[in-house]
Amino acid sequence: MRNTARWAATLALTATAVCGPLTGAALAGPAAAPASLYAPSALVLTVGHGNSAAAATPLRAVTLTCAPTASGTHPAAALACAELRGAGGDFDGLTARDDTMCTKEYDPVVVTVDGVWQGKRVSYERTFGNECVKNSYGISVFAF
C-alpha cells in the first residue's frame, strides 16, 4: 500500500509539472502561445545596377521566408532556402559554380539582403561584376 501511495504522489507531481504550464498557456489564450517552434527566417532580397546599394538603380525585390516552410515571392523559394541552410545562412559561403562562363564586361550589379535568418538580424550587400557573375553564385538564392 505504501508503494501505491508513493507512485500516486509521484504521478501527480509529474502530471502537475508537465501539464501545469500547458494549462496556463491555454487559459491565457492564443496571444500567449508561441506562433511557431521555429526561429523566424524572413528576408527581403533586392538587386540593382550600380557599385553600391546607395548608388544603385533598383530593379527588383523579392521576399523569402524559410521557416517553418519555404515561401515568398522568390521564384525558387524552396531551393533558395535549402541552399541557405546548406551554407549555414552565410551569404559569403555561396560560391561561384564552375560550370558557368561569364564575360569580363563590367556592368556592376548589387544585391542586398535584409531581414532575419534563424532569429538573427541579417544585413548583407555584395556587388558583382555583371548579371552573369551574380547568377553564377550559388544555385538559386541570387537568381531572381
C-alpha atoms as a PDB file:
ATOM      1  CA  MET A   1       0.000   0.000   0.000  1.00  0.00           C
ATOM      2  CA  ARG A   2       2.863   2.301   0.810  1.00  0.00           C
ATOM      3  CA  ASN A   3       4.318   1.871  -2.741  1.00  0.00           C
ATOM      4  CA  THR A   4       0.916   2.644  -4.288  1.00  0.00           C
ATOM      5  CA  ALA A   5       0.688   5.931  -2.382  1.00  0.00           C
ATOM      6  CA  ARG A   6       4.264   6.801  -3.345  1.00  0.00           C
ATOM      7  CA  TRP A   7       3.558   6.046  -7.040  1.00  0.00           C
ATOM      8  CA  ALA A   8       0.342   8.061  -6.928  1.00  0.00           C
ATOM      9  CA  ALA A   9       2.169  11.048  -5.405  1.00  0.00           C
ATOM     10  CA  THR A  10       4.966  10.771  -7.977  1.00  0.00           C
ATOM     11  CA  LEU A  11       2.477  10.538 -10.809  1.00  0.00           C
ATOM     12  CA  ALA A  12       0.529  13.546  -9.523  1.00  0.00           C
ATOM     13  CA  LEU A  13       3.690  15.659  -9.177  1.00  0.00           C
ATOM     14  CA  THR A  14       4.873  14.645 -12.655  1.00  0.00           C
ATOM     15  CA  ALA A  15       1.497  15.449 -14.198  1.00  0.00           C
ATOM     16  CA  THR A  16       1.460  18.836 -12.463  1.00  0.00           C
ATOM     17  CA  ALA A  17       4.998  19.636 -13.614  1.00  0.00           C
ATOM     18  CA  VAL A  18       4.321  18.617 -17.211  1.00  0.00           C
ATOM     19  CA  CYS A  19       0.737  19.767 -17.687  1.00  0.00           C
ATOM     20  CA  GLY A  20       0.744  22.785 -15.380  1.00  0.00           C
ATOM     21  CA  PRO A  21       2.497  25.153 -17.788  1.00  0.00           C
ATOM     22  CA  LEU A  22       0.288  23.937 -20.614  1.00  0.00           C
ATOM     23  CA  THR A  23      -2.952  24.788 -18.822  1.00  0.00           C
ATOM     24  CA  GLY A  24      -1.692  28.293 -18.059  1.00  0.00           C
ATOM     25  CA  ALA A  25      -0.965  28.915 -21.727  1.00  0.00           C
ATOM     26  CA  ALA A  26      -4.336  27.513 -22.728  1.00  0.00           C
ATOM     27  CA  LEU A  27      -6.128  29.776 -20.275  1.00  0.00           C
ATOM     28  CA  ALA A  28      -4.173  32.818 -21.425  1.00  0.00           C
ATOM     29  CA  GLY A  29      -5.445  32.387 -24.985  1.00  0.00           C
ATOM     30  CA  PRO A  30      -3.801  32.261 -28.400  1.00  0.00           C
ATOM     31  CA  ALA A  31      -1.935  35.542 -27.929  1.00  0.00           C
ATOM     32  CA  ALA A  32       0.231  33.980 -25.226  1.00  0.00           C
ATOM     33  CA  ALA A  33       1.078  30.871 -27.253  1.00  0.00           C
ATOM     34  CA  PRO A  34       4.196  30.953 -29.435  1.00  0.00           C
ATOM     35  CA  ALA A  35       3.475  31.360 -33.137  1.00  0.00           C
ATOM     36  CA  SER A  36       5.963  28.711 -34.172  1.00  0.00           C
ATOM     37  CA  LEU A  37       8.541  26.303 -32.843  1.00  0.00           C
ATOM     38  CA  TYR A  38      10.984  27.564 -35.486  1.00  0.00           C
ATOM     39  CA  ALA A  39      13.140  30.669 -35.249  1.00  0.00           C
ATOM     40  CA  PRO A  40      11.941  33.118 -37.896  1.00  0.00           C
ATOM     41  CA  SER A  41      13.719  33.291 -41.237  1.00  0.00           C
ATOM     42  CA  ALA A  42      12.252  36.026 -43.411  1.00  0.00           C
ATOM     43  CA  LEU A  43      14.351  38.024 -45.866  1.00  0.00           C
ATOM     44  CA  VAL A  44      13.948  40.756 -48.458  1.00  0.00           C
ATOM     45  CA  LEU A  45      16.418  40.454 -51.343  1.00  0.00           C
ATOM     46  CA  THR A  46      16.956  43.284 -53.821  1.00  0.00           C
ATOM     47  CA  VAL A  47      19.009  43.672 -56.972  1.00  0.00           C
ATOM     48  CA  GLY A  48      20.025  46.831 -58.794  1.00  0.00           C
ATOM     49  CA  HIS A  49      22.588  48.265 -61.183  1.00  0.00           C
ATOM     50  CA  GLY A  50      25.422  50.213 -59.600  1.00  0.00           C
ATOM     51  CA  ASN A  51      28.524  49.947 -57.438  1.00  0.00           C
ATOM     52  CA  SER A  52      26.685  50.110 -54.108  1.00  0.00           C
ATOM     53  CA  ALA A  53      23.153  49.880 -52.775  1.00  0.00           C
ATOM     54  CA  ALA A  54      23.134  53.613 -52.071  1.00  0.00           C
ATOM     55  CA  ALA A  55      24.005  54.462 -55.685  1.00  0.00           C
ATOM     56  CA  ALA A  56      22.178  51.587 -57.386  1.00  0.00           C
ATOM     57  CA  THR A  57      19.122  51.868 -59.567  1.00  0.00           C
ATOM     58  CA  PRO A  58      16.726  49.307 -58.074  1.00  0.00           C
ATOM     59  CA  LEU A  59      15.491  46.646 -60.471  1.00  0.00           C
ATOM     60  CA  ARG A  60      13.687  44.038 -58.422  1.00  0.00           C
ATOM     61  CA  ALA A  61      12.910  42.944 -54.866  1.00  0.00           C
ATOM     62  CA  VAL A  62      11.673  39.570 -53.637  1.00  0.00           C
ATOM     63  CA  THR A  63      10.727  38.110 -50.287  1.00  0.00           C
ATOM     64  CA  LEU A  64      11.974  34.788 -48.981  1.00  0.00           C
ATOM     65  CA  THR A  65      10.589  33.047 -45.906  1.00  0.00           C
ATOM     66  CA  CYS A  66      12.280  29.802 -44.899  1.00  0.00           C
ATOM     67  CA  ALA A  67      10.726  28.833 -41.559  1.00  0.00           C
ATOM     68  CA  PRO A  68       8.614  26.920 -40.965  1.00  0.00           C
ATOM     69  CA  THR A  69       8.161  26.383 -44.732  1.00  0.00           C
ATOM     70  CA  ALA A  70       9.652  27.969 -47.817  1.00  0.00           C
ATOM     71  CA  SER A  71       7.506  30.724 -49.303  1.00  0.00           C
ATOM     72  CA  GLY A  72       7.591  34.273 -50.603  1.00  0.00           C
ATOM     73  CA  THR A  73       7.862  35.954 -53.977  1.00  0.00           C
ATOM     74  CA  HIS A  74      11.295  34.448 -54.716  1.00  0.00           C
ATOM     75  CA  PRO A  75      10.901  32.354 -57.912  1.00  0.00           C
ATOM     76  CA  ALA A  76      12.630  29.310 -56.360  1.00  0.00           C
ATOM     77  CA  ALA A  77      11.908  29.742 -52.648  1.00  0.00           C
ATOM     78  CA  ALA A  78      12.336  26.090 -51.614  1.00  0.00           C
ATOM     79  CA  LEU A  79      15.633  25.707 -53.449  1.00  0.00           C
ATOM     80  CA  ALA A  80      16.946  29.049 -52.147  1.00  0.00           C
ATOM     81  CA  CYS A  81      16.056  28.112 -48.558  1.00  0.00           C
ATOM     82  CA  ALA A  82      17.761  24.731 -48.905  1.00  0.00           C
ATOM     83  CA  GLU A  83      20.832  26.404 -50.339  1.00  0.00           C
ATOM     84  CA  LEU A  84      20.968  28.933 -47.495  1.00  0.00           C
ATOM     85  CA  ARG A  85      20.544  26.194 -44.898  1.00  0.00           C
ATOM     86  CA  GLY A  86      23.440  24.340 -46.511  1.00  0.00           C
ATOM     87  CA  ALA A  87      25.600  27.457 -46.218  1.00  0.00           C
ATOM     88  CA  GLY A  88      24.520  27.997 -42.615  1.00  0.00           C
ATOM     89  CA  GLY A  89      22.865  31.288 -43.581  1.00  0.00           C
ATOM     90  CA  ASP A  90      26.245  32.709 -44.667  1.00  0.00           C
ATOM     91  CA  PHE A  91      25.761  34.575 -47.945  1.00  0.00           C
ATOM     92  CA  ASP A  92      29.532  34.799 -48.416  1.00  0.00           C
ATOM     93  CA  GLY A  93      29.546  30.995 -48.209  1.00  0.00           C
ATOM     94  CA  LEU A  94      27.705  30.830 -51.539  1.00  0.00           C
ATOM     95  CA  THR A  95      30.467  30.259 -54.056  1.00  0.00           C
ATOM     96  CA  ALA A  96      30.571  30.571 -57.837  1.00  0.00           C
ATOM     97  CA  ARG A  97      29.713  27.479 -59.823  1.00  0.00           C
ATOM     98  CA  ASP A  98      32.457  26.059 -62.020  1.00  0.00           C
ATOM     99  CA  ASP A  99      30.112  25.322 -64.940  1.00  0.00           C
ATOM    100  CA  THR A 100      29.300  28.988 -65.666  1.00  0.00           C
ATOM    101  CA  MET A 101      31.269  31.077 -68.135  1.00  0.00           C
ATOM    102  CA  CYS A 102      30.784  34.849 -67.967  1.00  0.00           C
ATOM    103  CA  THR A 103      32.250  37.709 -69.951  1.00  0.00           C
ATOM    104  CA  LYS A 104      34.539  40.184 -68.259  1.00  0.00           C
ATOM    105  CA  GLU A 105      32.220  43.054 -69.153  1.00  0.00           C
ATOM    106  CA  TYR A 106      31.942  45.412 -66.171  1.00  0.00           C
ATOM    107  CA  ASP A 107      28.311  46.313 -65.588  1.00  0.00           C
ATOM    108  CA  PRO A 108      28.073  46.202 -61.767  1.00  0.00           C
ATOM    109  CA  VAL A 109      25.070  44.603 -60.116  1.00  0.00           C
ATOM    110  CA  VAL A 110      24.485  44.990 -56.387  1.00  0.00           C
ATOM    111  CA  VAL A 111      22.468  42.573 -54.258  1.00  0.00           C
ATOM    112  CA  THR A 112      21.172  43.370 -50.781  1.00  0.00           C
ATOM    113  CA  VAL A 113      19.606  41.100 -48.188  1.00  0.00           C
ATOM    114  CA  ASP A 114      17.811  42.407 -45.116  1.00  0.00           C
ATOM    115  CA  GLY A 115      15.727  40.567 -42.561  1.00  0.00           C
ATOM    116  CA  VAL A 116      16.059  37.740 -40.077  1.00  0.00           C
ATOM    117  CA  TRP A 117      17.762  34.389 -40.535  1.00  0.00           C
ATOM    118  CA  GLN A 118      17.001  31.795 -37.843  1.00  0.00           C
ATOM    119  CA  GLY A 119      16.138  34.526 -35.359  1.00  0.00           C
ATOM    120  CA  LYS A 120      19.218  36.695 -36.019  1.00  0.00           C
ATOM    121  CA  ARG A 121      19.203  40.051 -37.813  1.00  0.00           C
ATOM    122  CA  VAL A 122      20.826  39.950 -41.276  1.00  0.00           C
ATOM    123  CA  SER A 123      22.047  42.826 -43.419  1.00  0.00           C
ATOM    124  CA  TYR A 124      24.165  41.919 -46.444  1.00  0.00           C
ATOM    125  CA  GLU A 125      25.354  43.758 -49.554  1.00  0.00           C
ATOM    126  CA  ARG A 126      27.506  42.477 -52.383  1.00  0.00           C
ATOM    127  CA  THR A 127      28.497  43.935 -55.747  1.00  0.00           C
ATOM    128  CA  PHE A 128      29.088  41.575 -58.678  1.00  0.00           C
ATOM    129  CA  GLY A 129      30.891  42.484 -61.914  1.00  0.00           C
ATOM    130  CA  ASN A 130      27.801  41.776 -64.028  1.00  0.00           C
ATOM    131  CA  GLU A 131      24.483  39.887 -64.048  1.00  0.00           C
ATOM    132  CA  CYS A 132      26.084  36.636 -65.222  1.00  0.00           C
ATOM    133  CA  VAL A 133      28.560  36.628 -62.346  1.00  0.00           C
ATOM    134  CA  LYS A 134      25.715  37.306 -59.872  1.00  0.00           C
ATOM    135  CA  ASN A 135      23.699  34.395 -61.216  1.00  0.00           C
ATOM    136  CA  SER A 136      26.704  32.062 -61.025  1.00  0.00           C
ATOM    137  CA  TYR A 137      26.904  32.360 -57.233  1.00  0.00           C
ATOM    138  CA  GLY A 138      25.047  29.541 -55.595  1.00  0.00           C
ATOM    139  CA  ILE A 139      22.206  27.841 -57.410  1.00  0.00           C
ATOM    140  CA  SER A 140      19.183  29.984 -56.813  1.00  0.00           C
ATOM    141  CA  VAL A 141      19.474  32.460 -53.925  1.00  0.00           C
ATOM    142  CA  PHE A 142      20.527  35.380 -56.134  1.00  0.00           C
ATOM    143  CA  ALA A 143      18.720  34.167 -59.282  1.00  0.00           C
ATOM    144  CA  PHE A 144      15.648  36.362 -59.271  1.00  0.00           C
END
